[in-house]
Amino acid sequence: MPARVAVVRPPVDVLHKFSKPVECLALGYLAASLRRAGHEAVMIDGMLYDWSVERTAREILAADPDIVGFTVVLNHFPPQVEQIARLLREAGFGGPVLVGGHSVSFFPERILQAAPVVDAVVCGEGEIPIREIAAAVESGSDWSRVPGVVARVDGGVRRNGVRRLLDMDLLGNPARDLTLEVIDNDGLAAMSSSRGCYARCNFCSIPRFYGLERAGKGLASGDWLGRPAESMAAEVLDLHARFGLLELLIVDDEFFGGSDAGFARAVEFGDRLAAAGAPVGLALSFRAENADPHVLARLKAGGLQHCFIGLESGIDEDLKLYGKGISATQNREAVRIVKDLGLTFQPGFMMFHYDSTVEQLRRNIDFLKSIDECKPVTVNSSVDPHFGAPITRVMRKEGVVEDHGTRMSMRYKDPRVRIVKAVAEDVAGHFQEFMNTIAAVQSAVTYEWRRRVPGRDPEVSRAIDRFEATVNEKFVAVVEEALDTVTRDPTAHAEDVIGQARDRLRAVRADLELSRSLLLLYLQQREGRVHYWTQRELMDARVPVADAS
């Protein structure tokens, strides 16, 4: 009998209301690999539906699997996995319970020690190991010897070598069992066109994940691996034909691959979609040095609407610390190119690091203002210690890492920086409510990627934009005031600075709550209602993608 496998994304704590569910391609690729090998696969996404631990366990048991595999999409091991696995065991499930994913591949022994109900961690790409595990279970042989598996065996732990996937096209397309559900839950359908990254930023573990097969070489880095443009375009058009979707997130860590061949692939991809009428709006991520205006223009003609660029900092010292290999000038130029093309933009940023100075914080704020991206969430950003990231080793040597077993946190050396970070966290928390309002009235796909509301008057759009700019300015000003205080008085007490910031926040909130009420009243008068347009509504209204971008 073929093995029956439940592949599961567990529910996790969502940071804020606007953390939309993104389609879990890990489940789709695992399920597709299993099915091509003749096994059965059931995709269960507790995060998509925001299920409870108990509901997720019931759904898994109802699938009657032989094997349960959890995919972890966070940079730590979420407690929900162990909680669900424990409920499965209590209900009598006796098959293998596996955990896989990017981050957990770097600390499998810790997970097995912390979660006795987990039998093994699958390290590296999981599509080949999962079907080999299923084949072993089907035949009654020892599944724990499959390459990539780190298993609890005879009271100890056995680690098997990892293999790297060498050709993405061998995977085929992922199973799309849940794509319609993602759309109907106003989530974001996703596609992968490459894996890995050619860069070697030391705060990032992505290249090292694709180098796990290089045993004995520490944090070795893997190569960027891309699909041909023809198959990429075919998948986009197939998704549009099957589901009618108007928005698609390309989840690549680095879309262009850092080579002429990567740029040529991108141009061909854009041209193929443009020839098909550019039916789908696209979002993708890339490094600043790859912001080529001519290539991006060709992609825009094919449907590109939104760009994420990992700037990380606006000062060269930080960029050197992060191993970015680029300058603040290059970052600024990349943002200019994207915005001049009329594309929406989201910066990856790390305002704070363990060795930040107050002077560096001020320069980063000035940089964010210069590119019109000085927002509470960005100002609150930081570099965190991740398993598998080289900078974490540096942080350990500096004594700033707090190790909690299956997760880590960081301390800041300068007490004044700690104060400003505490204020920035308070500000971001208070901003959340207004962020959700802005996202709602802008009919945002993600917070920065906004839909064009059908029939909206430009004057109304300007009023919303003015409110958004005012919200950002007033909240960030609270952080700036705290920064000014600790700069003038290095001996300022944390309680006093934070207390003053909270008093200021109360006044800012009261002022903005009145402005928000007036804006919503204005929208109701001008548009008859305050309405958030979902992708499903745009699809049902048959609004052309050019009007929904």
Protein backbone atom coordinates (compact mmCIF):
# COMPACT_ATOMS: atom_id res chain seq x y z
CA MET A 1 0.00 0.00 0.00
CA PRO A 2 1.31 3.49 -0.79
CA ALA A 3 2.23 5.56 2.24
CA ARG A 4 -0.17 8.33 3.22
CA VAL A 5 1.56 11.49 4.37
CA ALA A 6 0.09 14.58 6.04
CA VAL A 7 2.26 17.61 5.31
CA VAL A 8 1.43 20.38 7.76
CA ARG A 9 2.12 24.07 8.27
CA PRO A 10 1.25 24.60 11.94
CA PRO A 11 -0.55 27.68 13.24
CA VAL A 12 1.77 30.24 14.82
CA ASP A 13 1.37 33.52 16.63
CA VAL A 14 0.73 36.26 14.07
CA LEU A 15 2.47 39.55 14.76
CA HIS A 16 -0.37 41.81 13.69
CA LYS A 17 -3.68 41.77 11.88
CA PHE A 18 -2.16 42.59 8.52
CA SER A 19 0.18 39.59 8.45
CA LYS A 20 -1.63 37.99 5.54
CA PRO A 21 -1.26 34.28 4.93
CA VAL A 22 1.12 33.55 2.06
CA GLU A 23 0.56 30.29 0.22
CA CYS A 24 2.90 27.65 1.66
CA LEU A 25 4.84 26.34 -1.33
CA ALA A 26 6.72 23.93 0.94
CA LEU A 27 3.51 21.94 1.37
CA GLY A 28 2.81 22.08 -2.36
CA TYR A 29 6.25 20.86 -3.41
CA LEU A 30 6.32 18.10 -0.79
CA ALA A 31 2.87 16.90 -1.80
CA ALA A 32 3.72 16.98 -5.50
CA SER A 33 6.92 15.00 -4.94
CA LEU A 34 5.06 12.35 -2.95
CA ARG A 35 2.30 12.00 -5.52
CA ARG A 36 4.71 11.63 -8.42
CA ALA A 37 6.29 8.74 -6.53
CA GLY A 38 2.90 7.04 -6.12
CA HIS A 39 2.21 8.01 -2.50
CA GLU A 40 -0.75 9.88 -1.06
CA ALA A 41 -0.37 13.38 0.33
CA VAL A 42 -2.76 15.55 2.32
CA MET A 43 -1.95 19.25 2.69
CA ILE A 44 -3.00 20.76 6.03
CA ASP A 45 -2.39 24.46 6.64
CA GLY A 46 -3.23 25.56 10.16
CA MET A 47 -1.55 28.92 9.61
CA LEU A 48 -3.72 29.74 6.60
CA TYR A 49 -6.92 29.29 8.60
CA ASP A 50 -5.46 30.47 11.93
CA TRP A 51 -6.61 27.21 13.52
CA SER A 52 -6.01 26.34 17.13
CA VAL A 53 -3.52 23.64 18.08
CA GLU A 54 -6.45 21.34 18.88
CA ARG A 55 -8.21 21.96 15.56
CA THR A 56 -5.00 21.30 13.64
CA ALA A 57 -4.46 18.02 15.47
CA ARG A 58 -8.03 16.95 14.69
CA GLU A 59 -7.56 17.71 11.00
CA ILE A 60 -4.37 15.65 10.90
CA LEU A 61 -6.01 12.69 12.62
CA ALA A 62 -8.99 12.90 10.27
CA ALA A 63 -6.57 12.50 7.34
CA ASP A 64 -5.51 9.12 8.81
CA PRO A 65 -1.83 9.46 7.80
CA ASP A 66 1.04 7.01 8.14
CA ILE A 67 3.53 9.88 8.41
CA VAL A 68 3.17 13.46 9.65
CA GLY A 69 5.62 16.10 8.45
CA PHE A 70 5.61 19.65 9.82
CA THR A 71 7.21 22.50 7.89
CA VAL A 72 8.55 25.38 10.01
CA VAL A 73 8.54 28.81 8.39
CA LEU A 74 9.94 30.80 11.33
CA ASN A 75 13.52 31.37 12.49
CA HIS A 76 12.95 29.34 15.63
CA PHE A 77 11.13 26.17 16.63
CA PRO A 78 7.52 27.12 17.42
CA PRO A 79 6.00 25.46 20.50
CA GLN A 80 2.83 24.69 18.52
CA VAL A 81 4.60 21.86 16.69
CA GLU A 82 5.34 19.98 19.90
CA GLN A 83 1.85 20.70 21.24
CA ILE A 84 0.18 19.29 18.13
CA ALA A 85 2.50 16.27 18.04
CA ARG A 86 1.72 15.53 21.66
CA LEU A 87 -2.01 15.57 20.93
CA LEU A 88 -1.43 13.17 18.03
CA ARG A 89 0.44 10.76 20.28
CA GLU A 90 -2.22 10.98 22.97
CA ALA A 91 -4.83 10.09 20.32
CA GLY A 92 -2.86 6.98 19.37
CA PHE A 93 -0.90 8.07 16.31
CA GLY A 94 2.18 5.85 16.12
CA GLY A 95 3.82 6.81 12.83
CA PRO A 96 6.87 9.01 12.29
CA VAL A 97 6.55 12.66 13.28
CA LEU A 98 8.99 14.74 11.23
CA VAL A 99 9.98 18.40 11.25
CA GLY A 100 11.62 20.23 8.34
CA GLY A 101 12.22 23.70 7.02
CA HIS A 102 14.89 26.28 6.56
CA SER A 103 15.81 27.35 10.07
CA VAL A 104 15.35 24.01 11.84
CA SER A 105 17.94 22.45 9.52
CA PHE A 106 20.64 24.23 11.53
CA PHE A 107 19.76 22.94 15.01
CA PRO A 108 18.13 19.49 14.67
CA GLU A 109 19.72 18.02 17.81
CA ARG A 110 18.30 20.83 19.93
CA ILE A 111 14.81 20.15 18.59
CA LEU A 112 15.04 16.43 19.28
CA GLN A 113 16.21 17.19 22.80
CA ALA A 114 13.50 19.78 23.44
CA ALA A 115 10.61 17.87 21.82
CA PRO A 116 10.63 14.12 22.65
CA VAL A 117 7.46 13.60 20.58
CA VAL A 118 9.36 14.52 17.39
CA ASP A 119 11.12 11.54 15.82
CA ALA A 120 13.37 13.30 13.33
CA VAL A 121 14.35 16.55 11.65
CA VAL A 122 14.74 16.59 7.86
CA CYS A 123 17.61 18.95 6.99
CA GLY A 124 17.92 20.74 3.68
CA GLU A 125 15.46 20.55 0.80
CA GLY A 126 12.76 18.06 1.68
CA GLU A 127 11.23 16.93 -1.64
CA ILE A 128 13.55 13.96 -2.18
CA PRO A 129 13.87 12.86 1.48
CA ILE A 130 10.09 12.87 2.08
CA ARG A 131 9.36 10.48 -0.77
CA GLU A 132 12.25 8.22 0.26
CA ILE A 133 10.94 8.18 3.82
CA ALA A 134 7.49 7.31 2.47
CA ALA A 135 8.98 4.49 0.37
CA ALA A 136 10.79 3.11 3.43
CA VAL A 137 7.62 3.19 5.53
CA GLU A 138 5.73 1.49 2.70
CA SER A 139 8.30 -1.31 2.47
CA GLY A 140 8.89 -1.61 6.20
CA SER A 141 12.56 -0.65 5.98
CA ASP A 142 14.49 1.83 8.14
CA TRP A 143 13.37 5.32 7.14
CA SER A 144 15.77 6.95 9.63
CA ARG A 145 18.72 6.21 7.30
CA VAL A 146 17.43 8.43 4.48
CA PRO A 147 19.92 11.22 3.56
CA GLY A 148 19.03 14.50 5.20
CA VAL A 149 17.40 12.85 8.22
CA VAL A 150 18.60 13.55 11.76
CA ALA A 151 16.80 10.97 13.87
CA ARG A 152 16.54 9.80 17.42
CA VAL A 153 17.95 6.26 17.30
CA ASP A 154 18.66 3.84 20.20
CA GLY A 155 18.74 6.58 22.78
CA GLY A 156 21.02 8.78 20.70
CA VAL A 157 20.90 10.90 17.55
CA ARG A 158 22.07 9.88 14.08
CA ARG A 159 22.81 12.53 11.46
CA ASN A 160 22.77 11.52 7.79
CA GLY A 161 24.38 13.58 5.03
CA VAL A 162 22.34 16.17 3.14
CA ARG A 163 21.79 16.22 -0.64
CA ARG A 164 21.21 19.34 -2.73
CA LEU A 165 18.60 19.50 -5.45
CA LEU A 166 20.42 20.16 -8.74
CA ASP A 167 17.60 21.02 -11.16
CA MET A 168 14.45 22.88 -10.08
CA ASP A 169 12.58 21.80 -13.20
CA LEU A 170 12.83 18.20 -12.00
CA LEU A 171 10.44 19.21 -9.22
CA GLY A 172 7.71 20.23 -11.62
CA ASN A 173 5.06 22.57 -10.27
CA PRO A 174 3.82 22.35 -6.69
CA ALA A 175 0.44 20.87 -5.80
CA ARG A 176 -2.19 23.59 -5.70
CA ASP A 177 -4.78 22.02 -3.41
CA LEU A 178 -5.04 25.15 -1.28
CA THR A 179 -4.52 27.96 -3.80
CA LEU A 180 -8.23 28.72 -4.10
CA GLU A 181 -8.51 28.74 -0.30
CA VAL A 182 -5.60 31.18 -0.11
CA ILE A 183 -7.38 33.53 -2.52
CA ASP A 184 -10.71 33.22 -0.73
CA ASN A 185 -9.00 33.98 2.62
CA ASP A 186 -7.47 37.09 1.01
CA GLY A 187 -4.04 35.56 1.26
CA LEU A 188 -1.31 35.75 -1.33
CA ALA A 189 -0.73 32.99 -3.85
CA ALA A 190 2.95 32.26 -4.40
CA MET A 191 5.40 30.88 -6.94
CA SER A 192 9.08 29.94 -6.78
CA SER A 193 11.38 30.61 -9.74
CA SER A 194 14.74 30.06 -8.03
CA ARG A 195 16.39 28.82 -4.88
CA GLY A 196 19.34 30.20 -3.00
CA CYS A 197 21.34 33.40 -3.26
CA TYR A 198 24.71 34.18 -4.75
CA ALA A 199 25.50 36.82 -2.10
CA ARG A 200 27.15 36.13 1.24
CA CYS A 201 25.53 38.54 3.70
CA ASN A 202 26.62 37.34 7.12
CA PHE A 203 23.30 38.00 8.87
CA CYS A 204 21.49 35.60 6.50
CA SER A 205 21.38 31.81 6.61
CA ILE A 206 19.82 31.28 3.17
CA PRO A 207 23.05 30.58 1.23
CA ARG A 208 24.21 28.29 4.03
CA PHE A 209 20.97 26.29 3.89
CA TYR A 210 21.77 25.44 0.28
CA GLY A 211 25.31 24.51 1.29
CA LEU A 212 24.36 21.99 3.98
CA GLU A 213 25.48 19.09 1.78
CA ARG A 214 29.09 20.32 2.03
CA ALA A 215 29.81 18.38 5.19
CA GLY A 216 32.79 19.42 7.30
CA LYS A 217 32.98 22.94 5.86
CA GLY A 218 31.15 24.79 8.60
CA LEU A 219 28.67 27.29 7.22
CA ALA A 220 29.39 26.55 3.57
CA SER A 221 27.35 28.44 1.00
CA GLY A 222 25.36 26.92 -1.83
CA ASP A 223 24.72 28.28 -5.30
CA TRP A 224 21.77 30.12 -6.81
CA LEU A 225 19.61 27.80 -8.91
CA GLY A 226 17.00 29.19 -11.32
CA ARG A 227 14.24 27.84 -13.54
CA PRO A 228 14.01 28.62 -17.27
CA ALA A 229 11.87 31.62 -18.18
CA GLU A 230 9.55 29.49 -20.31
CA SER A 231 8.47 27.29 -17.41
CA MET A 232 8.15 30.31 -15.10
CA ALA A 233 5.82 32.12 -17.49
CA ALA A 234 3.86 28.94 -18.15
CA GLU A 235 3.17 28.52 -14.43
CA VAL A 236 2.00 32.13 -14.03
CA LEU A 237 -0.36 31.82 -16.98
CA ASP A 238 -1.61 28.42 -15.77
CA LEU A 239 -2.42 29.89 -12.34
CA HIS A 240 -4.32 32.74 -13.95
CA ALA A 241 -6.22 30.36 -16.20
CA ARG A 242 -7.10 27.94 -13.38
CA PHE A 243 -7.88 30.37 -10.58
CA GLY A 244 -8.31 33.77 -12.21
CA LEU A 245 -5.85 35.29 -9.77
CA LEU A 246 -4.65 38.84 -10.30
CA GLU A 247 -1.78 38.91 -7.76
CA LEU A 248 1.17 36.57 -7.32
CA LEU A 249 4.14 36.69 -4.99
CA ILE A 250 7.38 35.27 -6.36
CA VAL A 251 9.05 34.06 -3.17
CA ASP A 252 12.65 33.86 -4.44
CA ASP A 253 15.23 35.15 -2.00
CA GLU A 254 17.05 36.77 -4.96
CA PHE A 255 15.20 36.84 -8.26
CA PHE A 256 18.03 37.80 -10.63
CA GLY A 257 20.83 35.53 -9.47
CA GLY A 258 23.58 38.09 -9.93
CA SER A 259 24.58 37.14 -13.48
CA ASP A 260 23.97 38.12 -17.10
CA ALA A 261 22.13 34.83 -17.56
CA GLY A 262 19.86 35.76 -14.65
CA PHE A 263 19.03 39.13 -16.21
CA ALA A 264 18.39 37.50 -19.59
CA ARG A 265 16.05 35.03 -17.89
CA ALA A 266 14.18 37.93 -16.26
CA VAL A 267 13.79 39.81 -19.53
CA GLU A 268 12.49 36.73 -21.32
CA PHE A 269 10.07 36.08 -18.45
CA GLY A 270 8.73 39.63 -18.64
CA ASP A 271 8.45 39.53 -22.42
CA ARG A 272 6.55 36.23 -22.39
CA LEU A 273 4.03 37.58 -19.89
CA ALA A 274 3.72 40.88 -21.77
CA ALA A 275 2.96 38.96 -24.96
CA ALA A 276 0.19 37.15 -23.05
CA GLY A 277 -1.35 40.45 -21.95
CA ALA A 278 0.29 40.68 -18.50
CA PRO A 279 -2.74 39.15 -16.76
CA VAL A 280 -1.17 38.87 -13.28
CA GLY A 281 0.37 41.50 -11.01
CA LEU A 282 3.71 40.30 -9.63
CA ALA A 283 5.87 41.03 -6.59
CA LEU A 284 9.48 39.91 -6.23
CA SER A 285 12.66 40.41 -4.18
CA PHE A 286 16.19 41.28 -5.24
CA ARG A 287 19.42 42.94 -4.15
CA ALA A 288 20.04 46.65 -4.69
CA GLU A 289 22.82 46.17 -7.25
CA ASN A 290 20.35 44.30 -9.47
CA ALA A 291 17.97 47.24 -9.86
CA ASP A 292 18.55 47.62 -13.59
CA PRO A 293 15.97 50.11 -14.98
CA HIS A 294 15.78 48.46 -18.40
CA VAL A 295 15.26 44.96 -16.99
CA LEU A 296 12.71 46.19 -14.46
CA ALA A 297 10.85 48.07 -17.20
CA ARG A 298 10.56 44.84 -19.22
CA LEU A 299 9.29 43.04 -16.13
CA LYS A 300 6.81 45.84 -15.45
CA ALA A 301 5.45 45.39 -18.96
CA GLY A 302 4.88 41.74 -18.03
CA GLY A 303 3.03 42.57 -14.80
CA LEU A 304 5.62 43.52 -12.16
CA GLN A 305 4.03 45.84 -9.60
CA HIS A 306 5.94 45.56 -6.33
CA CYS A 307 9.62 45.21 -5.36
CA PHE A 308 11.21 44.19 -2.07
CA ILE A 309 14.89 45.15 -1.74
CA GLY A 310 17.00 44.23 1.27
CA LEU A 311 18.67 47.61 1.90
CA GLU A 312 19.41 46.72 5.55
CA SER A 313 21.05 50.09 6.31
CA GLY A 314 21.69 53.56 4.97
CA ILE A 315 25.24 53.87 6.30
CA ASP A 316 28.34 52.16 4.96
CA GLU A 317 29.66 51.01 8.34
CA ASP A 318 26.56 48.92 8.97
CA LEU A 319 26.60 47.52 5.45
CA LYS A 320 30.19 46.42 5.96
CA LEU A 321 29.27 44.77 9.27
CA TYR A 322 26.43 42.93 7.54
CA GLY A 323 28.68 41.74 4.70
CA LYS A 324 26.38 43.30 2.10
CA GLY A 325 29.09 44.14 -0.41
CA ILE A 326 27.27 47.32 -1.51
CA SER A 327 27.15 50.96 -0.46
CA ALA A 328 24.47 53.27 0.89
CA THR A 329 24.72 55.17 -2.40
CA GLN A 330 23.82 52.01 -4.31
CA ASN A 331 20.88 51.46 -1.98
CA ARG A 332 19.59 54.97 -2.57
CA GLU A 333 19.94 54.62 -6.33
CA ALA A 334 18.05 51.30 -6.35
CA VAL A 335 15.12 52.89 -4.53
CA ARG A 336 15.10 55.80 -6.97
CA ILE A 337 15.01 53.45 -9.97
CA VAL A 338 12.12 51.41 -8.58
CA LYS A 339 10.05 54.43 -7.62
CA ASP A 340 10.73 56.26 -10.88
CA LEU A 341 9.25 53.27 -12.68
CA GLY A 342 6.05 53.67 -10.65
CA LEU A 343 6.49 50.37 -8.81
CA THR A 344 5.53 50.05 -5.17
CA PHE A 345 8.42 49.39 -2.84
CA GLN A 346 9.25 47.74 0.48
CA PRO A 347 12.69 48.01 2.07
CA GLY A 348 14.26 45.28 4.11
CA PHE A 349 15.97 47.20 6.91
CA MET A 350 17.89 46.55 10.12
CA MET A 351 17.95 49.83 12.02
CA PHE A 352 19.48 48.33 15.17
CA HIS A 353 22.34 45.89 15.68
CA TYR A 354 24.19 44.77 18.80
CA ASP A 355 26.94 47.40 18.38
CA SER A 356 24.81 50.34 17.16
CA THR A 357 25.62 53.84 18.33
CA VAL A 358 23.15 56.68 18.74
CA GLU A 359 24.97 58.54 15.96
CA GLN A 360 24.42 55.60 13.59
CA LEU A 361 20.74 55.50 14.51
CA ARG A 362 20.38 59.17 13.61
CA ARG A 363 22.13 58.67 10.26
CA ASN A 364 19.86 55.73 9.45
CA ILE A 365 16.78 57.81 10.19
CA ASP A 366 18.11 60.56 7.94
CA PHE A 367 18.68 58.00 5.19
CA LEU A 368 15.14 56.64 5.53
CA LYS A 369 13.77 60.17 5.29
CA SER A 370 15.81 60.78 2.14
CA ILE A 371 14.16 57.82 0.39
CA ASP A 372 10.70 58.55 1.89
CA GLU A 373 10.62 55.29 3.87
CA CYS A 374 10.83 56.57 7.45
CA LYS A 375 8.04 54.55 9.01
CA PRO A 376 7.52 53.16 12.53
CA VAL A 377 7.93 49.51 11.53
CA THR A 378 11.15 50.24 9.62
CA VAL A 379 12.57 52.34 12.43
CA ASN A 380 11.88 49.46 14.86
CA SER A 381 13.74 46.88 12.74
CA SER A 382 16.86 45.05 13.90
CA VAL A 383 19.30 42.29 13.01
CA ASP A 384 18.56 39.22 15.12
CA PRO A 385 20.72 36.16 15.77
CA HIS A 386 19.63 33.29 13.50
CA PHE A 387 20.77 29.71 13.55
CA GLY A 388 23.00 29.27 10.52
CA ALA A 389 23.92 32.95 10.11
CA PRO A 390 27.66 33.70 10.42
CA ILE A 391 27.06 36.96 12.28
CA THR A 392 25.55 34.94 15.12
CA ARG A 393 29.01 33.51 15.81
CA VAL A 394 30.35 37.05 16.08
CA MET A 395 27.50 37.98 18.42
CA ARG A 396 28.29 35.00 20.64
CA LYS A 397 31.92 36.09 20.90
CA GLU A 398 30.73 39.59 21.77
CA GLY A 399 28.55 38.11 24.53
CA VAL A 400 25.31 39.65 23.29
CA VAL A 401 23.34 36.50 22.43
CA GLU A 402 20.78 35.08 24.82
CA ASP A 403 20.40 31.41 23.94
CA HIS A 404 16.99 29.93 24.79
CA GLY A 405 17.61 26.51 23.23
CA THR A 406 15.40 26.53 20.15
CA ARG A 407 15.34 30.31 19.77
CA MET A 408 17.71 33.19 20.44
CA SER A 409 17.52 36.88 21.28
CA MET A 410 20.05 39.70 21.44
CA ARG A 411 21.25 42.44 23.78
CA TYR A 412 22.51 45.87 22.75
CA LYS A 413 25.88 46.97 24.09
CA ASP A 414 25.09 50.67 24.43
CA PRO A 415 22.46 51.32 27.15
CA ARG A 416 21.30 54.41 25.24
CA VAL A 417 20.57 52.27 22.19
CA ARG A 418 18.58 49.90 24.42
CA ILE A 419 16.46 52.85 25.52
CA VAL A 420 15.78 54.00 21.97
CA LYS A 421 14.93 50.43 20.92
CA ALA A 422 12.43 50.14 23.77
CA VAL A 423 10.78 53.38 22.64
CA ALA A 424 10.75 52.20 19.01
CA GLU A 425 9.00 48.98 20.09
CA ASP A 426 6.37 50.98 21.98
CA VAL A 427 5.85 53.22 18.97
CA ALA A 428 5.48 50.27 16.60
CA GLY A 429 2.90 48.72 18.92
CA HIS A 430 0.81 51.89 18.98
CA PHE A 431 1.22 52.35 15.24
CA GLN A 432 -0.23 48.90 14.52
CA GLU A 433 -3.84 50.04 14.81
CA PHE A 434 -3.26 52.91 12.38
CA MET A 435 -1.26 50.67 10.06
CA ASN A 436 -4.26 48.38 9.79
CA THR A 437 -6.52 51.34 9.03
CA ILE A 438 -4.18 52.57 6.30
CA ALA A 439 -3.92 49.09 4.81
CA ALA A 440 -7.70 48.79 4.82
CA VAL A 441 -8.48 52.09 3.11
CA GLN A 442 -5.62 51.55 0.63
CA SER A 443 -6.91 48.03 -0.13
CA ALA A 444 -3.37 46.80 0.37
CA VAL A 445 -2.14 43.42 -0.81
CA THR A 446 0.76 43.64 1.60
CA TYR A 447 1.18 46.81 3.62
CA GLU A 448 3.35 48.44 0.94
CA TRP A 449 1.80 46.74 -2.12
CA ARG A 450 -1.51 48.50 -2.72
CA ARG A 451 -4.37 47.78 -5.09
CA ARG A 452 -5.81 50.56 -7.16
CA VAL A 453 -9.35 50.98 -5.88
CA PRO A 454 -11.83 50.91 -8.79
CA GLY A 455 -13.34 54.32 -9.44
CA ARG A 456 -11.41 56.15 -6.74
CA ASP A 457 -10.95 59.86 -7.37
CA PRO A 458 -7.31 61.06 -7.30
CA GLU A 459 -8.30 63.69 -4.73
CA VAL A 460 -9.41 60.92 -2.37
CA SER A 461 -6.14 59.07 -2.92
CA ARG A 462 -4.21 62.23 -2.06
CA ALA A 463 -6.17 62.65 1.16
CA ILE A 464 -5.37 59.08 2.21
CA ASP A 465 -1.70 59.53 1.30
CA ARG A 466 -1.53 62.74 3.38
CA PHE A 467 -3.02 60.94 6.37
CA GLU A 468 -0.54 58.09 5.99
CA ALA A 469 2.40 60.50 5.78
CA THR A 470 1.18 62.34 8.88
CA VAL A 471 0.83 59.09 10.84
CA ASN A 472 4.35 58.02 9.93
CA GLU A 473 5.84 61.42 10.73
CA LYS A 474 4.17 61.81 14.11
CA PHE A 475 5.00 58.33 15.35
CA VAL A 476 8.61 58.41 14.18
CA ALA A 477 9.01 61.82 15.84
CA VAL A 478 8.53 60.12 19.21
CA VAL A 479 11.51 57.86 18.50
CA GLU A 480 13.54 60.85 17.32
CA GLU A 481 12.76 62.76 20.51
CA ALA A 482 14.02 59.84 22.60
CA LEU A 483 17.13 59.62 20.44
CA ASP A 484 17.76 63.34 20.88
CA THR A 485 17.34 63.02 24.65
CA VAL A 486 19.87 60.22 25.12
CA THR A 487 22.27 61.96 22.72
CA ARG A 488 22.18 65.20 24.74
CA ASP A 489 22.27 63.40 28.09
CA PRO A 490 24.16 60.09 28.01
CA THR A 491 23.24 59.53 31.68
CA ALA A 492 19.48 59.81 31.09
CA HIS A 493 17.52 57.15 32.97
CA ALA A 494 15.61 54.61 30.88
CA GLU A 495 12.48 54.98 33.00
CA ASP A 496 12.39 58.73 32.45
CA VAL A 497 12.98 58.61 28.68
CA ILE A 498 10.51 55.77 28.12
CA GLY A 499 7.94 57.45 30.38
CA GLN A 500 8.22 60.72 28.47
CA ALA A 501 7.84 58.82 25.19
CA ARG A 502 4.69 57.12 26.42
CA ASP A 503 3.21 60.46 27.46
CA ARG A 504 4.00 61.78 24.00
CA LEU A 505 2.47 58.68 22.40
CA ARG A 506 -0.80 59.25 24.20
CA ALA A 507 -0.98 62.76 22.78
CA VAL A 508 -0.05 61.55 19.29
CA ARG A 509 -2.71 58.86 19.38
CA ALA A 510 -5.41 61.31 20.48
CA ASP A 511 -4.48 63.67 17.65
CA LEU A 512 -4.38 60.90 15.04
CA GLU A 513 -7.61 59.27 16.21
CA LEU A 514 -9.41 62.53 15.40
CA SER A 515 -7.69 62.71 12.00
CA ARG A 516 -8.62 59.11 11.30
CA SER A 517 -12.28 59.71 12.16
CA LEU A 518 -12.36 62.69 9.81
CA LEU A 519 -10.72 60.66 7.03
CA LEU A 520 -13.20 57.80 7.37
CA LEU A 521 -16.10 60.27 7.37
CA TYR A 522 -14.68 61.87 4.23
CA LEU A 523 -14.36 58.47 2.53
CA GLN A 524 -17.94 57.64 3.41
CA GLN A 525 -19.14 60.91 1.95
CA ARG A 526 -17.10 60.60 -1.24
CA GLU A 527 -17.38 56.85 -1.91
CA GLY A 528 -20.56 55.92 -0.02
CA ARG A 529 -18.69 53.49 2.24
CA VAL A 530 -15.32 52.61 3.71
CA HIS A 531 -14.44 49.43 1.89
CA TYR A 532 -11.44 47.13 1.59
CA TRP A 533 -11.27 45.52 -1.85
CA THR A 534 -10.13 41.92 -1.76
CA GLN A 535 -8.56 40.13 -4.70
CA ARG A 536 -11.66 37.93 -4.90
CA GLU A 537 -13.88 40.99 -5.31
CA LEU A 538 -11.65 42.36 -8.05
CA MET A 539 -11.68 38.98 -9.78
CA ASP A 540 -15.45 38.70 -9.53
CA ALA A 541 -15.83 42.27 -10.78
CA ARG A 542 -13.52 41.33 -13.66
CA VAL A 543 -11.45 44.46 -13.10
CA PRO A 544 -8.51 44.39 -15.54
CA VAL A 545 -5.11 43.99 -13.89
CA ALA A 546 -4.05 47.41 -15.18
CA ASP A 547 -6.79 48.95 -13.01
CA ALA A 548 -6.04 46.77 -9.99
CA SER A 549 -2.30 47.36 -9.75
